[in-house]
C-alpha atoms as a PDB file:
ATOM      1  CA  MET A   1     -27.675   4.291 -15.674  1.00  0.00           C
ATOM      2  CA  ASN A   2     -24.208   3.502 -17.231  1.00  0.00           C
ATOM      3  CA  ARG A   3     -22.570   0.202 -17.672  1.00  0.00           C
ATOM      4  CA  LEU A   4     -20.648   0.537 -14.428  1.00  0.00           C
ATOM      5  CA  GLN A   5     -23.657   1.417 -12.364  1.00  0.00           C
ATOM      6  CA  ARG A   6     -25.677  -1.493 -13.837  1.00  0.00           C
ATOM      7  CA  TYR A   7     -22.829  -3.705 -12.824  1.00  0.00           C
ATOM      8  CA  PHE A   8     -22.795  -2.693  -9.205  1.00  0.00           C
ATOM      9  CA  SER A   9     -26.524  -2.490  -8.912  1.00  0.00           C
ATOM     10  CA  ASN A  10     -26.728  -6.257  -9.921  1.00  0.00           C
ATOM     11  CA  GLN A  11     -27.810  -8.180  -6.819  1.00  0.00           C
ATOM     12  CA  PHE A  12     -27.027 -11.693  -7.960  1.00  0.00           C
ATOM     13  CA  SER A  13     -24.729 -13.603  -5.600  1.00  0.00           C
ATOM     14  CA  ASN A  14     -22.790 -15.351  -8.659  1.00  0.00           C
ATOM     15  CA  ASP A  15     -20.413 -12.367  -8.923  1.00  0.00           C
ATOM     16  CA  LEU A  16     -16.878 -13.234  -8.595  1.00  0.00           C
ATOM     17  CA  GLY A  17     -13.816 -11.308  -7.719  1.00  0.00           C
ATOM     18  CA  ILE A  18     -10.541 -12.719  -8.969  1.00  0.00           C
ATOM     19  CA  ASP A  19      -6.785 -12.025  -8.302  1.00  0.00           C
ATOM     20  CA  LEU A  20      -5.380 -13.664 -11.138  1.00  0.00           C
ATOM     21  CA  GLY A  21      -1.838 -13.923  -9.935  1.00  0.00           C
ATOM     22  CA  THR A  22       1.435 -15.265 -11.334  1.00  0.00           C
ATOM     23  CA  ALA A  23       1.952 -17.428  -8.356  1.00  0.00           C
ATOM     24  CA  ASN A  24      -1.597 -17.832  -6.950  1.00  0.00           C
ATOM     25  CA  THR A  25      -5.167 -17.387  -7.859  1.00  0.00           C
ATOM     26  CA  VAL A  26      -7.581 -16.126  -5.245  1.00  0.00           C
ATOM     27  CA  VAL A  27     -11.310 -15.928  -5.897  1.00  0.00           C
ATOM     28  CA  TYR A  28     -13.894 -14.053  -3.939  1.00  0.00           C
ATOM     29  CA  LEU A  29     -17.757 -15.129  -4.320  1.00  0.00           C
ATOM     30  CA  ARG A  30     -20.074 -12.310  -3.598  1.00  0.00           C
ATOM     31  CA  GLY A  31     -21.847 -12.708  -0.299  1.00  0.00           C
ATOM     32  CA  LYS A  32     -19.480 -15.352   0.910  1.00  0.00           C
ATOM     33  CA  GLY A  33     -15.911 -14.052   0.865  1.00  0.00           C
ATOM     34  CA  ILE A  34     -12.823 -15.753  -0.313  1.00  0.00           C
ATOM     35  CA  ILE A  35     -13.640 -19.402  -1.093  1.00  0.00           C
ATOM     36  CA  LEU A  36     -10.742 -20.494  -3.276  1.00  0.00           C
ATOM     37  CA  SER A  37      -6.840 -19.846  -3.224  1.00  0.00           C
ATOM     38  CA  GLU A  38      -4.659 -22.186  -5.287  1.00  0.00           C
ATOM     39  CA  PRO A  39      -1.420 -21.931  -7.133  1.00  0.00           C
ATOM     40  CA  SER A  40      -1.677 -20.748 -10.735  1.00  0.00           C
ATOM     41  CA  VAL A  41      -0.448 -23.983 -12.229  1.00  0.00           C
ATOM     42  CA  VAL A  42      -1.707 -26.297 -14.917  1.00  0.00           C
ATOM     43  CA  ALA A  43      -0.254 -29.936 -15.524  1.00  0.00           C
ATOM     44  CA  ILE A  44      -0.653 -31.186 -19.054  1.00  0.00           C
ATOM     45  CA  ASP A  45       0.323 -34.302 -21.081  1.00  0.00           C
ATOM     46  CA  THR A  46       2.498 -33.140 -23.823  1.00  0.00           C
ATOM     47  CA  VAL A  47       1.620 -36.172 -26.042  1.00  0.00           C
ATOM     48  CA  THR A  48      -2.202 -35.806 -25.804  1.00  0.00           C
ATOM     49  CA  GLN A  49      -2.339 -32.265 -24.814  1.00  0.00           C
ATOM     50  CA  GLU A  50      -4.771 -33.439 -21.992  1.00  0.00           C
ATOM     51  CA  VAL A  51      -5.053 -31.413 -18.958  1.00  0.00           C
ATOM     52  CA  LEU A  52      -4.168 -33.641 -15.945  1.00  0.00           C
ATOM     53  CA  ALA A  53      -4.544 -31.274 -13.072  1.00  0.00           C
ATOM     54  CA  ILE A  54      -4.918 -27.686 -12.225  1.00  0.00           C
ATOM     55  CA  GLY A  55      -4.194 -25.591  -9.097  1.00  0.00           C
ATOM     56  CA  ALA A  56      -2.877 -27.313  -5.856  1.00  0.00           C
ATOM     57  CA  ASP A  57      -2.860 -30.692  -7.542  1.00  0.00           C
ATOM     58  CA  ALA A  58      -0.731 -29.519 -10.326  1.00  0.00           C
ATOM     59  CA  TYR A  59       1.561 -27.579  -8.077  1.00  0.00           C
ATOM     60  CA  SER A  60       2.352 -30.894  -6.169  1.00  0.00           C
ATOM     61  CA  MET A  61       3.738 -32.162  -9.576  1.00  0.00           C
ATOM     62  CA  VAL A  62       6.139 -29.261 -10.111  1.00  0.00           C
ATOM     63  CA  GLY A  63       9.667 -30.798 -10.598  1.00  0.00           C
ATOM     64  CA  ARG A  64       8.320 -34.365 -10.046  1.00  0.00           C
ATOM     65  CA  THR A  65       6.656 -35.182 -13.469  1.00  0.00           C
ATOM     66  CA  PRO A  66       7.903 -37.678 -16.090  1.00  0.00           C
ATOM     67  CA  GLY A  67       8.994 -36.544 -19.480  1.00  0.00           C
ATOM     68  CA  ASN A  68       5.605 -36.410 -21.051  1.00  0.00           C
ATOM     69  CA  ILE A  69       3.965 -34.326 -18.444  1.00  0.00           C
ATOM     70  CA  ILE A  70       4.799 -30.690 -17.694  1.00  0.00           C
ATOM     71  CA  ALA A  71       3.578 -28.300 -15.187  1.00  0.00           C
ATOM     72  CA  VAL A  72       3.045 -24.881 -16.594  1.00  0.00           C
ATOM     73  CA  ARG A  73       2.323 -21.482 -15.192  1.00  0.00           C
ATOM     74  CA  PRO A  74      -0.209 -19.695 -17.478  1.00  0.00           C
ATOM     75  CA  MET A  75       0.599 -16.311 -15.921  1.00  0.00           C
ATOM     76  CA  LYS A  76       4.025 -14.562 -16.231  1.00  0.00           C
ATOM     77  CA  ASP A  77       4.910 -11.066 -14.803  1.00  0.00           C
ATOM     78  CA  GLY A  78       1.410 -10.602 -13.827  1.00  0.00           C
ATOM     79  CA  VAL A  79      -0.091 -11.129 -17.414  1.00  0.00           C
ATOM     80  CA  ILE A  80      -1.224 -14.125 -19.454  1.00  0.00           C
ATOM     81  CA  ALA A  81       1.556 -15.951 -21.086  1.00  0.00           C
ATOM     82  CA  ASN A  82      -0.472 -18.957 -22.291  1.00  0.00           C
ATOM     83  CA  PHE A  83      -3.954 -17.944 -23.201  1.00  0.00           C
ATOM     84  CA  GLU A  84      -5.400 -21.586 -23.669  1.00  0.00           C
ATOM     85  CA  MET A  85      -4.127 -22.760 -20.307  1.00  0.00           C
ATOM     86  CA  ALA A  86      -5.224 -19.572 -18.489  1.00  0.00           C
ATOM     87  CA  GLU A  87      -8.869 -20.033 -19.801  1.00  0.00           C
ATOM     88  CA  LYS A  88      -8.746 -23.701 -18.623  1.00  0.00           C
ATOM     89  CA  MET A  89      -7.478 -22.798 -15.331  1.00  0.00           C
ATOM     90  CA  VAL A  90     -10.220 -20.143 -14.828  1.00  0.00           C
ATOM     91  CA  ARG A  91     -12.843 -22.263 -16.112  1.00  0.00           C
ATOM     92  CA  SER A  92     -11.641 -25.101 -13.627  1.00  0.00           C
ATOM     93  CA  PHE A  93     -11.702 -22.823 -10.711  1.00  0.00           C
ATOM     94  CA  ILE A  94     -15.206 -21.449 -11.441  1.00  0.00           C
ATOM     95  CA  LYS A  95     -16.418 -25.254 -11.661  1.00  0.00           C
ATOM     96  CA  LYS A  96     -14.876 -25.883  -8.209  1.00  0.00           C
ATOM     97  CA  ILE A  97     -16.756 -22.961  -6.728  1.00  0.00           C
ATOM     98  CA  ASP A  98     -20.008 -24.188  -8.308  1.00  0.00           C
ATOM     99  CA  ASN A  99     -20.049 -27.959  -8.341  1.00  0.00           C
ATOM    100  CA  GLN A 100     -23.867 -27.979  -8.442  1.00  0.00           C
ATOM    101  CA  ASN A 101     -23.839 -25.669 -11.457  1.00  0.00           C
ATOM    102  CA  ARG A 102     -26.326 -23.361  -9.824  1.00  0.00           C
ATOM    103  CA  PHE A 103     -25.457 -20.466 -12.025  1.00  0.00           C
ATOM    104  CA  PHE A 104     -24.348 -20.497 -15.692  1.00  0.00           C
ATOM    105  CA  LYS A 105     -22.631 -17.200 -16.477  1.00  0.00           C
ATOM    106  CA  PRO A 106     -21.148 -15.408 -13.374  1.00  0.00           C
ATOM    107  CA  ARG A 107     -20.090 -11.638 -13.564  1.00  0.00           C
ATOM    108  CA  ILE A 108     -16.225 -11.479 -13.010  1.00  0.00           C
ATOM    109  CA  LEU A 109     -14.045  -8.502 -11.725  1.00  0.00           C
ATOM    110  CA  ILE A 110     -10.370  -9.366 -12.257  1.00  0.00           C
ATOM    111  CA  GLY A 111      -7.385  -7.590 -10.774  1.00  0.00           C
ATOM    112  CA  VAL A 112      -4.732  -6.656 -13.124  1.00  0.00           C
ATOM    113  CA  PRO A 113      -1.278  -5.020 -12.946  1.00  0.00           C
ATOM    114  CA  TRP A 114      -1.368  -1.254 -13.516  1.00  0.00           C
ATOM    115  CA  GLY A 115       1.260  -1.251 -16.209  1.00  0.00           C
ATOM    116  CA  ILE A 116      -0.360  -3.928 -18.642  1.00  0.00           C
ATOM    117  CA  THR A 117      -0.836  -3.010 -22.208  1.00  0.00           C
ATOM    118  CA  ASP A 118      -4.080  -2.859 -24.155  1.00  0.00           C
ATOM    119  CA  VAL A 119      -3.195  -6.349 -25.762  1.00  0.00           C
ATOM    120  CA  GLU A 120      -2.642  -7.972 -22.437  1.00  0.00           C
ATOM    121  CA  LYS A 121      -5.735  -6.350 -21.094  1.00  0.00           C
ATOM    122  CA  ARG A 122      -7.828  -7.770 -23.968  1.00  0.00           C
ATOM    123  CA  ALA A 123      -6.221 -11.319 -23.316  1.00  0.00           C
ATOM    124  CA  VAL A 124      -7.574 -11.177 -19.615  1.00  0.00           C
ATOM    125  CA  LEU A 125     -10.951 -10.098 -20.634  1.00  0.00           C
ATOM    126  CA  GLU A 126     -11.199 -12.804 -23.419  1.00  0.00           C
ATOM    127  CA  SER A 127      -9.894 -15.440 -21.006  1.00  0.00           C
ATOM    128  CA  GLY A 128     -12.825 -14.557 -18.548  1.00  0.00           C
ATOM    129  CA  TYR A 129     -15.352 -14.736 -21.348  1.00  0.00           C
ATOM    130  CA  GLN A 130     -14.056 -17.932 -22.638  1.00  0.00           C
ATOM    131  CA  ALA A 131     -14.162 -19.404 -19.082  1.00  0.00           C
ATOM    132  CA  GLY A 132     -17.946 -18.651 -19.139  1.00  0.00           C
ATOM    133  CA  ALA A 133     -18.310 -15.295 -17.608  1.00  0.00           C
ATOM    134  CA  LYS A 134     -21.471 -13.201 -18.482  1.00  0.00           C
ATOM    135  CA  GLU A 135     -19.339  -9.966 -18.140  1.00  0.00           C
ATOM    136  CA  VAL A 136     -15.799  -9.208 -17.317  1.00  0.00           C
ATOM    137  CA  LEU A 137     -14.305  -6.022 -15.647  1.00  0.00           C
ATOM    138  CA  LEU A 138     -10.874  -5.230 -14.687  1.00  0.00           C
ATOM    139  CA  ILE A 139      -9.554  -3.308 -11.682  1.00  0.00           C
ATOM    140  CA  GLU A 140      -5.887  -2.318 -11.224  1.00  0.00           C
ATOM    141  CA  GLU A 141      -4.344  -4.257  -8.490  1.00  0.00           C
ATOM    142  CA  PRO A 142      -2.849  -1.426  -6.436  1.00  0.00           C
ATOM    143  CA  MET A 143      -6.333  -0.031  -6.075  1.00  0.00           C
ATOM    144  CA  ALA A 144      -7.856  -3.442  -5.388  1.00  0.00           C
ATOM    145  CA  ALA A 145      -5.172  -4.130  -2.709  1.00  0.00           C
ATOM    146  CA  ALA A 146      -5.637  -0.767  -1.154  1.00  0.00           C
ATOM    147  CA  ILE A 147      -9.440  -1.442  -0.846  1.00  0.00           C
ATOM    148  CA  GLY A 148      -8.779  -4.936   0.529  1.00  0.00           C
ATOM    149  CA  ALA A 149      -6.524  -3.721   3.168  1.00  0.00           C
ATOM    150  CA  ASP A 150      -9.167  -1.077   4.471  1.00  0.00           C
ATOM    151  CA  VAL A 151      -7.515   1.984   3.005  1.00  0.00           C
ATOM    152  CA  PRO A 152     -10.017   4.885   2.527  1.00  0.00           C
ATOM    153  CA  VAL A 153      -9.284   5.284  -1.141  1.00  0.00           C
ATOM    154  CA  LEU A 154     -12.182   7.626  -1.755  1.00  0.00           C
ATOM    155  CA  GLU A 155     -10.952  10.361   0.700  1.00  0.00           C
ATOM    156  CA  PRO A 156      -9.021  13.519  -0.435  1.00  0.00           C
ATOM    157  CA  GLU A 157      -5.851  12.151   1.096  1.00  0.00           C
ATOM    158  CA  GLY A 158      -2.770  10.386  -0.152  1.00  0.00           C
ATOM    159  CA  ASN A 159      -2.142   6.629   0.477  1.00  0.00           C
ATOM    160  CA  MET A 160       0.901   4.793  -0.740  1.00  0.00           C
ATOM    161  CA  VAL A 161       0.518   1.069  -1.432  1.00  0.00           C
ATOM    162  CA  VAL A 162       3.459  -1.282  -2.386  1.00  0.00           C
ATOM    163  CA  ASP A 163       1.942  -4.346  -3.808  1.00  0.00           C
ATOM    164  CA  ILE A 164       4.528  -7.153  -4.287  1.00  0.00           C
ATOM    165  CA  GLY A 165       3.092 -10.127  -6.065  1.00  0.00           C
ATOM    166  CA  GLY A 166       4.735 -13.079  -7.732  1.00  0.00           C
ATOM    167  CA  GLY A 167       5.281 -11.417 -11.153  1.00  0.00           C
ATOM    168  CA  THR A 168       5.077  -7.672 -10.403  1.00  0.00           C
ATOM    169  CA  THR A 169       5.784  -5.040  -7.899  1.00  0.00           C
ATOM    170  CA  GLU A 170       3.654  -1.741  -8.094  1.00  0.00           C
ATOM    171  CA  VAL A 171       4.224   1.319  -5.998  1.00  0.00           C
ATOM    172  CA  ALA A 172       1.104   3.489  -6.059  1.00  0.00           C
ATOM    173  CA  VAL A 173      -0.071   6.745  -4.475  1.00  0.00           C
ATOM    174  CA  ILE A 174      -3.867   6.672  -4.393  1.00  0.00           C
ATOM    175  CA  SER A 175      -6.421   9.528  -3.640  1.00  0.00           C
ATOM    176  CA  LEU A 176      -9.992  10.307  -4.435  1.00  0.00           C
ATOM    177  CA  GLY A 177     -10.706   7.032  -5.944  1.00  0.00           C
ATOM    178  CA  GLY A 178      -7.777   7.204  -8.492  1.00  0.00           C
ATOM    179  CA  THR A 179      -4.095   6.484  -8.963  1.00  0.00           C
ATOM    180  CA  VAL A 180      -2.108   9.726  -8.803  1.00  0.00           C
ATOM    181  CA  ILE A 181       1.118   8.120  -9.622  1.00  0.00           C
ATOM    182  CA  CYS A 182       2.371   4.557 -10.050  1.00  0.00           C
ATOM    183  CA  LYS A 183       5.703   2.794 -10.621  1.00  0.00           C
ATOM    184  CA  SER A 184       5.631  -0.786 -11.952  1.00  0.00           C
ATOM    185  CA  SER A 185       8.480  -3.413 -12.121  1.00  0.00           C
ATOM    186  CA  ARG A 186       8.738  -7.046 -12.988  1.00  0.00           C
ATOM    187  CA  VAL A 187      11.046  -7.450  -9.985  1.00  0.00           C
ATOM    188  CA  ALA A 188       8.719  -9.503  -7.512  1.00  0.00           C
ATOM    189  CA  GLY A 189       8.429 -12.905  -5.779  1.00  0.00           C
ATOM    190  CA  ASP A 190       9.359 -14.892  -8.838  1.00  0.00           C
ATOM    191  CA  GLU A 191      12.645 -12.750  -9.021  1.00  0.00           C
ATOM    192  CA  PHE A 192      13.369 -13.586  -5.464  1.00  0.00           C
ATOM    193  CA  ASP A 193      13.134 -17.261  -6.199  1.00  0.00           C
ATOM    194  CA  GLU A 194      15.359 -16.927  -9.356  1.00  0.00           C
ATOM    195  CA  ALA A 195      18.029 -15.006  -7.364  1.00  0.00           C
ATOM    196  CA  ILE A 196      18.164 -17.825  -4.775  1.00  0.00           C
ATOM    197  CA  MET A 197      18.403 -20.629  -7.564  1.00  0.00           C
ATOM    198  CA  ALA A 198      21.301 -18.497  -9.070  1.00  0.00           C
ATOM    199  CA  HIS A 199      23.047 -18.230  -5.902  1.00  0.00           C
ATOM    200  CA  CYS A 200      23.150 -21.922  -5.397  1.00  0.00           C
ATOM    201  CA  ARG A 201      24.174 -22.533  -8.752  1.00  0.00           C
ATOM    202  CA  LYS A 202      26.996 -20.017  -8.773  1.00  0.00           C
ATOM    203  CA  ASN A 203      28.396 -20.738  -5.328  1.00  0.00           C
ATOM    204  CA  TYR A 204      27.674 -24.420  -4.802  1.00  0.00           C
ATOM    205  CA  ASN A 205      27.255 -25.815  -8.126  1.00  0.00           C
ATOM    206  CA  LEU A 206      23.835 -27.002  -7.134  1.00  0.00           C
ATOM    207  CA  LEU A 207      20.767 -27.065  -9.130  1.00  0.00           C
ATOM    208  CA  ILE A 208      17.707 -26.567  -7.068  1.00  0.00           C
ATOM    209  CA  GLY A 209      14.039 -26.476  -8.196  1.00  0.00           C
ATOM    210  CA  GLU A 210      11.402 -23.855  -7.944  1.00  0.00           C
ATOM    211  CA  ARG A 211       9.808 -25.439  -4.908  1.00  0.00           C
ATOM    212  CA  MET A 212      12.983 -25.713  -2.914  1.00  0.00           C
ATOM    213  CA  SER A 213      13.873 -22.192  -3.770  1.00  0.00           C
ATOM    214  CA  GLU A 214      10.497 -20.898  -2.539  1.00  0.00           C
ATOM    215  CA  THR A 215      10.802 -22.931   0.639  1.00  0.00           C
ATOM    216  CA  ILE A 216      14.348 -21.266   1.266  1.00  0.00           C
ATOM    217  CA  LYS A 217      12.703 -17.840   0.656  1.00  0.00           C
ATOM    218  CA  LYS A 218       9.975 -18.411   3.115  1.00  0.00           C
ATOM    219  CA  GLN A 219      12.140 -20.024   5.825  1.00  0.00           C
ATOM    220  CA  ILE A 220      15.283 -18.069   5.802  1.00  0.00           C
ATOM    221  CA  GLY A 221      14.934 -15.326   3.160  1.00  0.00           C
ATOM    222  CA  SER A 222      15.226 -11.648   4.415  1.00  0.00           C
ATOM    223  CA  ALA A 223      15.539  -8.084   3.469  1.00  0.00           C
ATOM    224  CA  TYR A 224      16.858  -7.198   7.009  1.00  0.00           C
ATOM    225  CA  PRO A 225      18.873  -9.281   9.545  1.00  0.00           C
ATOM    226  CA  PHE A 226      17.265 -11.709  11.747  1.00  0.00           C
ATOM    227  CA  GLU A 227      17.719 -11.356  15.506  1.00  0.00           C
ATOM    228  CA  GLU A 228      19.491 -14.632  15.288  1.00  0.00           C
ATOM    229  CA  GLU A 229      20.633 -15.721  11.989  1.00  0.00           C
ATOM    230  CA  ARG A 230      19.360 -19.167  10.521  1.00  0.00           C
ATOM    231  CA  ASN A 231      20.671 -22.044   8.585  1.00  0.00           C
ATOM    232  CA  MET A 232      18.826 -24.516   6.499  1.00  0.00           C
ATOM    233  CA  GLY A 233      19.553 -27.718   4.788  1.00  0.00           C
ATOM    234  CA  VAL A 234      19.114 -27.636   1.121  1.00  0.00           C
ATOM    235  CA  ARG A 235      18.755 -30.504  -1.392  1.00  0.00           C
ATOM    236  CA  GLY A 236      19.435 -30.397  -5.048  1.00  0.00           C
ATOM    237  CA  ARG A 237      21.578 -31.882  -7.867  1.00  0.00           C
ATOM    238  CA  ASP A 238      25.381 -31.451  -8.090  1.00  0.00           C
ATOM    239  CA  LEU A 239      26.130 -29.856 -11.422  1.00  0.00           C
ATOM    240  CA  LEU A 240      29.761 -31.462 -11.364  1.00  0.00           C
ATOM    241  CA  SER A 241      28.837 -34.925 -10.424  1.00  0.00           C
ATOM    242  CA  GLY A 242      25.310 -35.147 -11.492  1.00  0.00           C
ATOM    243  CA  LEU A 243      24.340 -36.756  -8.117  1.00  0.00           C
ATOM    244  CA  PRO A 244      21.983 -35.650  -5.429  1.00  0.00           C
ATOM    245  CA  LYS A 245      23.467 -33.513  -2.846  1.00  0.00           C
ATOM    246  CA  THR A 246      22.570 -31.807   0.557  1.00  0.00           C
ATOM    247  CA  PHE A 247      24.309 -28.851   2.018  1.00  0.00           C
ATOM    248  CA  THR A 248      23.589 -26.094   4.451  1.00  0.00           C
ATOM    249  CA  ILE A 249      23.002 -22.439   3.657  1.00  0.00           C
ATOM    250  CA  SER A 250      22.633 -19.456   5.882  1.00  0.00           C
ATOM    251  CA  SER A 251      20.146 -16.575   5.950  1.00  0.00           C
ATOM    252  CA  MET A 252      23.033 -14.132   5.410  1.00  0.00           C
ATOM    253  CA  GLU A 253      24.006 -15.639   2.089  1.00  0.00           C
ATOM    254  CA  ILE A 254      20.195 -15.493   1.036  1.00  0.00           C
ATOM    255  CA  ARG A 255      19.923 -11.927   2.117  1.00  0.00           C
ATOM    256  CA  ASP A 256      22.837 -11.149   0.031  1.00  0.00           C
ATOM    257  CA  ALA A 257      21.360 -13.030  -2.975  1.00  0.00           C
ATOM    258  CA  LEU A 258      18.148 -11.015  -2.544  1.00  0.00           C
ATOM    259  CA  SER A 259      19.812  -7.707  -1.921  1.00  0.00           C
ATOM    260  CA  GLU A 260      19.574  -6.525  -5.674  1.00  0.00           C
ATOM    261  CA  SER A 261      15.837  -7.229  -5.898  1.00  0.00           C
ATOM    262  CA  VAL A 262      15.193  -5.489  -2.537  1.00  0.00           C
ATOM    263  CA  SER A 263      17.222  -2.715  -3.609  1.00  0.00           C
ATOM    264  CA  THR A 264      15.085  -2.214  -6.674  1.00  0.00           C
ATOM    265  CA  ILE A 265      11.791  -2.284  -4.722  1.00  0.00           C
ATOM    266  CA  ILE A 266      13.291   0.399  -2.440  1.00  0.00           C
ATOM    267  CA  ASP A 267      14.335   2.555  -5.247  1.00  0.00           C
ATOM    268  CA  MET A 268      10.835   2.291  -6.863  1.00  0.00           C
ATOM    269  CA  VAL A 269       9.482   3.528  -3.433  1.00  0.00           C
ATOM    270  CA  ARG A 270      11.875   6.505  -3.349  1.00  0.00           C
ATOM    271  CA  PHE A 271      11.129   7.380  -7.004  1.00  0.00           C
ATOM    272  CA  THR A 272       7.440   7.471  -6.370  1.00  0.00           C
ATOM    273  CA  LEU A 273       7.809   9.557  -3.264  1.00  0.00           C
ATOM    274  CA  GLU A 274       9.892  12.065  -5.224  1.00  0.00           C
ATOM    275  CA  LYS A 275       7.283  12.305  -7.934  1.00  0.00           C
ATOM    276  CA  THR A 276       4.352  12.640  -5.376  1.00  0.00           C
ATOM    277  CA  PRO A 277       2.701  16.077  -5.105  1.00  0.00           C
ATOM    278  CA  PRO A 278       3.628  17.921  -1.823  1.00  0.00           C
ATOM    279  CA  GLU A 279       0.129  17.912  -0.324  1.00  0.00           C
ATOM    280  CA  LEU A 280      -0.176  14.101  -0.841  1.00  0.00           C
ATOM    281  CA  SER A 281       3.466  13.622   0.586  1.00  0.00           C
ATOM    282  CA  GLY A 282       2.322  15.301   3.909  1.00  0.00           C
ATOM    283  CA  ASP A 283      -0.480  12.497   4.124  1.00  0.00           C
ATOM    284  CA  ILE A 284       2.001   9.819   3.402  1.00  0.00           C
ATOM    285  CA  ILE A 285       4.392  11.144   6.093  1.00  0.00           C
ATOM    286  CA  LYS A 286       1.531  10.966   8.648  1.00  0.00           C
ATOM    287  CA  LYS A 287       0.030   7.647   7.544  1.00  0.00           C
ATOM    288  CA  GLY A 288       3.007   5.760   6.269  1.00  0.00           C
ATOM    289  CA  ILE A 289       3.378   3.076   3.532  1.00  0.00           C
ATOM    290  CA  LEU A 290       1.297  -0.018   3.335  1.00  0.00           C
ATOM    291  CA  LEU A 291       2.811  -3.299   2.002  1.00  0.00           C
ATOM    292  CA  THR A 292       0.661  -5.835   0.376  1.00  0.00           C
ATOM    293  CA  GLY A 293       0.990  -8.965  -1.684  1.00  0.00           C
ATOM    294  CA  GLY A 294       2.998 -12.148  -0.833  1.00  0.00           C
ATOM    295  CA  GLY A 295       6.353 -10.425  -1.152  1.00  0.00           C
ATOM    296  CA  ALA A 296       5.350  -8.161   1.927  1.00  0.00           C
ATOM    297  CA  LEU A 297       6.020 -11.400   3.893  1.00  0.00           C
ATOM    298  CA  LEU A 298       9.702 -11.412   3.188  1.00  0.00           C
ATOM    299  CA  HIS A 299      11.279 -10.991   6.545  1.00  0.00           C
ATOM    300  CA  GLY A 300      12.346  -7.444   7.431  1.00  0.00           C
ATOM    301  CA  LEU A 301      11.240  -5.838   4.161  1.00  0.00           C
ATOM    302  CA  ASP A 302       9.236  -3.302   6.075  1.00  0.00           C
ATOM    303  CA  LYS A 303      12.301  -2.469   8.226  1.00  0.00           C
ATOM    304  CA  ALA A 304      14.554  -2.157   5.177  1.00  0.00           C
ATOM    305  CA  ILE A 305      12.115   0.341   3.542  1.00  0.00           C
ATOM    306  CA  HIS A 306      11.742   2.190   6.746  1.00  0.00           C
ATOM    307  CA  GLU A 307      15.461   2.606   7.093  1.00  0.00           C
ATOM    308  CA  GLU A 308      15.771   4.139   3.571  1.00  0.00           C
ATOM    309  CA  THR A 309      12.778   6.369   3.779  1.00  0.00           C
ATOM    310  CA  GLN A 310      12.455   7.086   7.555  1.00  0.00           C
ATOM    311  CA  LEU A 311       8.649   6.568   7.108  1.00  0.00           C
ATOM    312  CA  THR A 312       6.243   4.246   9.008  1.00  0.00           C
ATOM    313  CA  VAL A 313       5.864   0.935   7.028  1.00  0.00           C
ATOM    314  CA  ARG A 314       3.182  -1.448   7.925  1.00  0.00           C
ATOM    315  CA  ILE A 315       2.161  -4.783   6.355  1.00  0.00           C
ATOM    316  CA  ALA A 316      -1.522  -5.609   5.489  1.00  0.00           C
ATOM    317  CA  LYS A 317      -3.316  -7.819   7.952  1.00  0.00           C
ATOM    318  CA  ASP A 318      -3.716 -10.450   5.110  1.00  0.00           C
ATOM    319  CA  PRO A 319      -1.389  -9.406   2.433  1.00  0.00           C
ATOM    320  CA  LEU A 320      -1.898 -12.562   0.245  1.00  0.00           C
ATOM    321  CA  SER A 321      -5.477 -11.940  -0.133  1.00  0.00           C
ATOM    322  CA  CYS A 322      -5.715  -8.142  -0.376  1.00  0.00           C
ATOM    323  CA  VAL A 323      -6.421  -7.909  -4.055  1.00  0.00           C
ATOM    324  CA  ALA A 324      -9.182 -10.512  -4.088  1.00  0.00           C
ATOM    325  CA  LEU A 325     -10.719  -9.021  -0.931  1.00  0.00           C
ATOM    326  CA  GLY A 326     -10.568  -5.628  -2.688  1.00  0.00           C
ATOM    327  CA  THR A 327     -12.398  -6.961  -5.813  1.00  0.00           C
ATOM    328  CA  GLY A 328     -14.989  -8.510  -3.503  1.00  0.00           C
ATOM    329  CA  ARG A 329     -15.567  -5.245  -1.557  1.00  0.00           C
ATOM    330  CA  VAL A 330     -16.126  -3.444  -4.910  1.00  0.00           C
ATOM    331  CA  LEU A 331     -18.710  -6.081  -5.779  1.00  0.00           C
ATOM    332  CA  GLU A 332     -20.356  -5.758  -2.237  1.00  0.00           C
ATOM    333  CA  ASN A 333     -20.279  -2.081  -1.898  1.00  0.00           C
ATOM    334  CA  GLU A 334     -22.170   0.041  -4.539  1.00  0.00           C
ATOM    335  CA  MET A 335     -20.903   3.228  -3.293  1.00  0.00           C
ATOM    336  CA  LEU A 336     -17.413   2.139  -4.766  1.00  0.00           C
ATOM    337  CA  ASP A 337     -18.652   3.088  -8.273  1.00  0.00           C
ATOM    338  CA  ARG A 338     -17.210   6.485  -7.405  1.00  0.00           C
ATOM    339  CA  ILE A 339     -13.710   4.976  -8.152  1.00  0.00           C
ATOM    340  CA  SER A 340     -12.027   6.643 -11.151  1.00  0.00           C
ATOM    341  CA  SER A 341     -13.380   5.235 -14.498  1.00  0.00           C
ATOM    342  CA  SER A 342      -9.717   4.491 -15.336  1.00  0.00           C
ATOM    343  CA  MET A 343      -9.577   1.788 -12.499  1.00  0.00           C
ATOM    344  CA  LEU A 344     -12.783  -0.254 -13.750  1.00  0.00           C
ATOM    345  CA  LYS A 345     -12.920  -1.025 -17.454  1.00  0.00           C
END
C-alpha cells in the first residue's frame, strides 16, 4: 500500500480539507462537511507583534484600525505571502473547529493553485505541519473545484473548469483524473477590487478602501449589462480636500472599469480551448464550461464568456465552496485515489 492509499484508507474523522484562499479560507471536516468559512485576514499589533484577531473578527477591522494595529492577508495571489501569519491563521481555524481538543494532529488536504512553484508548495506544506497537522497533502484547485461541483473527473471525457478565486484564475481541461491543459493567471477577484479603486481615484479623486470596493463589486459590478442599470452611493476620502465625500456611481462605469480584467479571463478561456485536443473539444462543446470560485458570481460573466465562445456556460451550485467541497469528497471517497498522482502530492 503506497502513501496515498494509506492516506485514503485512514478512517479517522479528524481529516480536514482546506481551501486556503487569498480572500477566504473554507474548511471541510471529514464526516461533517463544511464547518468553517472565514476571511483570510490576521490583525496584529505592530508594537508587541501580538495577534489580536483572526478571520471574521480581523476582517471587521480592515480600514478601521489605529496606527499600531494592521490587518494583514497572509495569502497573496493564491500562495503564502507571510508564512508566520499563515501558520497562525491555520492553527487558529483548527482550534476553532476542535474547541474540546478531541484530536491532536489532524490530517490535512489543502487546495493550491495549479501554477505554484516548488518553493511555494513547500511553504504551504510547512504551514500545515507547523499548525499541528499529522500529514499534509496538496491537491490542485481546478481538480478540487471540479470534484466539488460534481464533475465526473474520472471519466474518459473532457471537462472545462474556470476557477476564479481571490488571487488566481485557472482555466483547466480535466479528463481521466488528470489535468490535460491548464492556464493560470493572477487576474482574479482582488484584481477586480483594485480596478474599482483605481477607477474611483482616477475619475473622482476619491480614495476608497478594500471593503467599499468589494461592496461595489458585489452590488453593481458586472461583466455584461444588467436588464436595468444600477446606481450606488459610494463613500470615501476626497484626495484634493482630504475630507470625507459621498458620490453616486453607475454599474456602467464599473463594468467599464472591470472590462480589462474580464477580457483577460475570456482570453484565457479562448487560449485553453485552442490548445485542447480535438476529441476533448467535442466533449466541451456538448457539456459546456463550468465556472467556480467567488469570481463566478460577478454578474453576467457567464453570459460574457458564452457570447465570446458560443459555448454553454454554467455556474456551479455553490461556487464559493467548490474547492473545499472537493477536498472533502476526496477525503470521503476512497475510489478517488485514482486521481493522477500529479494532483495529490
